[in-house]
Amino acid sequence: MPQVSVFNQAGSKVSEIALADSIFGIAPSIPAMHLCVVAYLANQRQGTQSTLTRSEVSGGGKKPWRQKGTGRARQGSTRAPQWYHGGIAHGPKPRTYHKDINKKVRRLAMKSALSAKVADEELIVLEDLKLDAIKTKEIVKVIDALETGKKVLIVLPEKDDIIYRSARNIAGVKTTLVGTLNVYDILNCDTVVVLKDAVSKIEEVYA
């Protein structure tokens, strides 16, 4: 079982915690993580882009000149794609970019991402995080005390509006809940800061 130090808000080590081997100590599956990251990014796309075809552009009902005898190429409408103000040929239309991932692959990818962070010593367990008021400076103090990287993901066991609103204005810092934790956010940060209560919840969900 991987052993990880537990720190307090001042950055001091207070104890150690044994993490579940089946979640935080597996050999990371790079293909599974890749699939989940690709699917996550694809699912963020709205797919609302749209261009007008020649039938959707206003005007162009009249034939610009007669078929023969002018010496110019025959034209049927001024809204054909080769004309200025004409329609777009083969342009993008609204579509869905949604990708589905098998549940077993998603679970494997999540365990792989967490195990990779533990192996790289980029996962910090925080004993508790309590703020009396919405203060961005307090979150900055905690992050500085823990000596994290520039991009930090704080994993909370349950919704805490004070912590969320205190951290949301700090560049590179993101807060998330155990229920909304995803592979992309884990891999996209330099350090994952997990509250001690959140560790037990993660082990409960992915056991």
Protein backbone atom coordinates (compact mmCIF):
# COMPACT_ATOMS: atom_id res chain seq x y z
CA MET A 1 0.00 0.00 0.00
CA PRO A 2 1.38 3.45 -0.89
CA GLN A 3 2.07 5.59 2.17
CA VAL A 4 1.46 9.33 1.79
CA SER A 5 2.12 12.11 4.27
CA VAL A 6 -0.81 14.12 5.61
CA PHE A 7 -0.27 17.87 5.97
CA ASN A 8 -2.17 20.62 7.77
CA GLN A 9 -3.00 24.05 6.37
CA ALA A 10 0.34 25.41 7.62
CA GLY A 11 2.20 22.88 5.48
CA SER A 12 3.41 20.79 8.41
CA LYS A 13 3.33 17.00 8.33
CA VAL A 14 0.90 15.69 10.96
CA SER A 15 0.60 11.99 10.09
CA GLU A 16 0.69 9.39 7.34
CA ILE A 17 -2.09 7.62 5.50
CA ALA A 18 -2.11 4.28 3.71
CA LEU A 19 -3.84 4.52 0.34
CA ALA A 20 -5.74 1.63 -1.23
CA ASP A 21 -3.43 -0.34 -3.49
CA SER A 22 -6.23 -1.15 -5.94
CA ILE A 23 -6.88 2.57 -6.61
CA PHE A 24 -3.67 4.48 -5.89
CA GLY A 25 -1.08 1.77 -6.56
CA ILE A 26 -1.86 0.15 -9.92
CA ALA A 27 0.29 0.22 -13.05
CA PRO A 28 -1.18 3.16 -15.03
CA SER A 29 -2.91 2.29 -18.31
CA ILE A 30 -1.91 4.99 -20.78
CA PRO A 31 -4.40 3.88 -23.51
CA ALA A 32 -7.32 4.08 -21.06
CA MET A 33 -6.28 7.56 -19.89
CA HIS A 34 -5.84 8.69 -23.50
CA LEU A 35 -9.34 7.50 -24.43
CA CYS A 36 -10.87 9.38 -21.50
CA VAL A 37 -8.99 12.61 -22.21
CA VAL A 38 -9.98 12.53 -25.89
CA ALA A 39 -13.62 11.85 -24.97
CA TYR A 40 -13.62 14.62 -22.32
CA LEU A 41 -12.27 17.23 -24.73
CA ALA A 42 -14.64 16.11 -27.51
CA ASN A 43 -17.63 16.32 -25.16
CA GLN A 44 -16.74 19.93 -24.29
CA ARG A 45 -17.37 20.96 -27.90
CA GLN A 46 -20.78 22.49 -28.49
CA GLY A 47 -20.97 21.62 -32.18
CA THR A 48 -23.12 24.69 -32.95
CA GLN A 49 -21.00 25.99 -35.85
CA SER A 50 -22.99 26.49 -39.04
CA THR A 51 -22.53 27.98 -42.51
CA LEU A 52 -25.16 28.83 -45.13
CA THR A 53 -25.46 26.72 -48.26
CA ARG A 54 -26.47 28.27 -51.60
CA SER A 55 -30.12 27.47 -50.88
CA GLU A 56 -29.99 29.29 -47.53
CA VAL A 57 -28.33 32.55 -48.66
CA SER A 58 -30.89 35.25 -49.45
CA GLY A 59 -31.23 36.38 -53.07
CA GLY A 60 -29.89 34.78 -56.20
CA GLY A 61 -33.20 33.85 -57.73
CA LYS A 62 -32.55 35.55 -61.05
CA LYS A 63 -30.20 34.11 -63.65
CA PRO A 64 -27.38 36.69 -63.92
CA TRP A 65 -27.14 36.55 -67.72
CA ARG A 66 -28.44 34.45 -70.57
CA GLN A 67 -27.10 30.96 -71.08
CA LYS A 68 -25.37 31.51 -74.44
CA GLY A 69 -23.81 34.24 -76.50
CA THR A 70 -22.12 36.43 -73.86
CA GLY A 71 -18.70 34.78 -74.00
CA ARG A 72 -18.80 34.26 -70.26
CA ALA A 73 -19.23 31.04 -68.31
CA ARG A 74 -22.81 29.93 -67.82
CA GLN A 75 -24.26 30.89 -64.44
CA GLY A 76 -27.59 29.98 -62.88
CA SER A 77 -27.42 31.98 -59.64
CA THR A 78 -25.30 34.64 -57.97
CA ARG A 79 -25.45 32.60 -54.76
CA ALA A 80 -23.39 29.68 -56.08
CA PRO A 81 -20.21 29.01 -54.02
CA GLN A 82 -17.84 30.66 -56.51
CA TRP A 83 -19.63 34.03 -56.18
CA TYR A 84 -18.99 36.71 -53.60
CA HIS A 85 -21.88 36.51 -51.13
CA GLY A 86 -22.52 33.00 -52.38
CA GLY A 87 -23.21 29.95 -50.23
CA ILE A 88 -20.50 27.79 -48.67
CA ALA A 89 -19.83 24.40 -50.23
CA HIS A 90 -19.24 21.54 -47.76
CA GLY A 91 -19.14 23.94 -44.79
CA PRO A 92 -19.67 22.90 -41.15
CA LYS A 93 -23.18 22.21 -39.91
CA PRO A 94 -24.43 21.60 -36.35
CA ARG A 95 -23.37 18.17 -35.15
CA THR A 96 -22.54 16.32 -31.94
CA TYR A 97 -18.98 15.39 -31.05
CA HIS A 98 -20.09 13.21 -28.13
CA LYS A 99 -18.00 10.13 -27.39
CA ASP A 100 -19.02 7.31 -25.06
CA ILE A 101 -16.50 5.45 -22.94
CA ASN A 102 -17.04 2.01 -21.47
CA LYS A 103 -17.59 2.15 -17.69
CA LYS A 104 -14.75 -0.28 -16.98
CA VAL A 105 -12.36 1.80 -19.10
CA ARG A 106 -13.41 4.98 -17.27
CA ARG A 107 -12.78 3.37 -13.89
CA LEU A 108 -9.41 2.02 -15.04
CA ALA A 109 -8.43 5.45 -16.39
CA MET A 110 -9.37 7.17 -13.11
CA LYS A 111 -7.37 4.67 -11.04
CA SER A 112 -4.46 5.00 -13.49
CA ALA A 113 -4.46 8.80 -13.24
CA LEU A 114 -4.53 8.73 -9.43
CA SER A 115 -1.81 6.05 -9.30
CA ALA A 116 0.36 8.05 -11.69
CA LYS A 117 0.10 11.13 -9.47
CA VAL A 118 1.04 9.11 -6.38
CA ALA A 119 3.98 7.49 -8.20
CA ASP A 120 5.22 10.92 -9.34
CA GLU A 121 4.76 12.34 -5.81
CA GLU A 122 2.30 14.88 -7.14
CA LEU A 123 -0.55 13.98 -4.79
CA ILE A 124 -0.82 15.74 -1.42
CA VAL A 125 -3.27 14.75 1.30
CA LEU A 126 -4.54 17.70 3.34
CA GLU A 127 -5.92 16.98 6.81
CA ASP A 128 -8.61 19.66 6.58
CA LEU A 129 -9.36 22.96 4.88
CA LYS A 130 -11.48 25.38 6.86
CA LEU A 131 -12.05 29.07 6.13
CA ASP A 132 -14.14 31.44 8.24
CA ALA A 133 -14.83 33.77 5.33
CA ILE A 134 -14.27 34.07 1.59
CA LYS A 135 -10.59 34.99 1.46
CA THR A 136 -8.45 34.32 -1.59
CA LYS A 137 -5.31 35.13 0.41
CA GLU A 138 -5.97 32.21 2.75
CA ILE A 139 -6.07 29.69 -0.10
CA VAL A 140 -2.88 31.22 -1.54
CA LYS A 141 -1.20 30.78 1.88
CA VAL A 142 -2.18 27.10 2.01
CA ILE A 143 -0.95 26.46 -1.55
CA ASP A 144 2.35 28.23 -0.84
CA ALA A 145 2.79 26.28 2.41
CA LEU A 146 2.26 22.97 0.60
CA GLU A 147 4.81 23.95 -2.07
CA THR A 148 2.63 22.81 -4.96
CA GLY A 149 3.18 23.38 -8.67
CA LYS A 150 1.59 26.21 -10.64
CA LYS A 151 -1.52 24.24 -11.57
CA VAL A 152 -3.35 22.81 -8.57
CA LEU A 153 -6.48 20.68 -8.32
CA ILE A 154 -8.19 20.73 -4.91
CA VAL A 155 -10.49 17.74 -4.36
CA LEU A 156 -13.21 18.33 -1.75
CA PRO A 157 -15.38 15.63 -0.14
CA GLU A 158 -18.50 17.81 -0.34
CA LYS A 159 -19.59 21.19 -1.64
CA ASP A 160 -18.04 24.14 0.20
CA ASP A 161 -19.03 27.48 -1.30
CA ILE A 162 -16.51 29.42 0.80
CA ILE A 163 -13.54 27.40 -0.45
CA TYR A 164 -14.84 27.41 -4.03
CA ARG A 165 -15.33 31.18 -4.12
CA SER A 166 -12.00 31.79 -2.39
CA ALA A 167 -10.06 29.70 -4.92
CA ARG A 168 -11.86 30.45 -8.19
CA ASN A 169 -9.97 33.70 -8.85
CA ILE A 170 -6.50 32.16 -8.49
CA ALA A 171 -4.83 31.41 -11.81
CA GLY A 172 -4.12 27.71 -12.22
CA VAL A 173 -6.19 26.61 -9.20
CA LYS A 174 -9.35 24.56 -9.62
CA THR A 175 -11.66 22.97 -7.05
CA THR A 176 -13.72 19.87 -7.67
CA LEU A 177 -15.78 17.30 -5.77
CA VAL A 178 -15.21 13.56 -5.61
CA GLY A 179 -18.38 13.08 -7.66
CA THR A 180 -17.19 15.38 -10.48
CA LEU A 181 -13.54 14.32 -10.49
CA ASN A 182 -12.31 13.40 -13.97
CA VAL A 183 -9.16 12.07 -15.60
CA TYR A 184 -8.46 15.21 -17.63
CA ASP A 185 -8.40 17.50 -14.57
CA ILE A 186 -6.10 15.11 -12.70
CA LEU A 187 -3.60 14.85 -15.55
CA ASN A 188 -3.84 18.54 -16.45
CA CYS A 189 -2.53 19.78 -13.09
CA ASP A 190 0.91 19.78 -11.51
CA THR A 191 -0.34 18.83 -8.04
CA VAL A 192 -3.51 17.17 -6.76
CA VAL A 193 -4.44 18.28 -3.23
CA VAL A 194 -6.95 15.83 -1.76
CA LEU A 195 -8.65 16.40 1.56
CA LYS A 196 -8.37 13.44 3.92
CA ASP A 197 -12.15 12.91 3.96
CA ALA A 198 -12.16 12.93 0.16
CA VAL A 199 -9.61 10.09 0.07
CA SER A 200 -11.99 7.74 1.88
CA LYS A 201 -14.82 8.78 -0.45
CA ILE A 202 -12.69 8.09 -3.54
CA GLU A 203 -11.79 4.65 -2.15
CA GLU A 204 -15.46 4.00 -1.44
CA VAL A 205 -16.55 4.96 -4.98
CA TYR A 206 -13.80 3.12 -6.88
CA ALA A 207 -13.28 0.12 -4.56
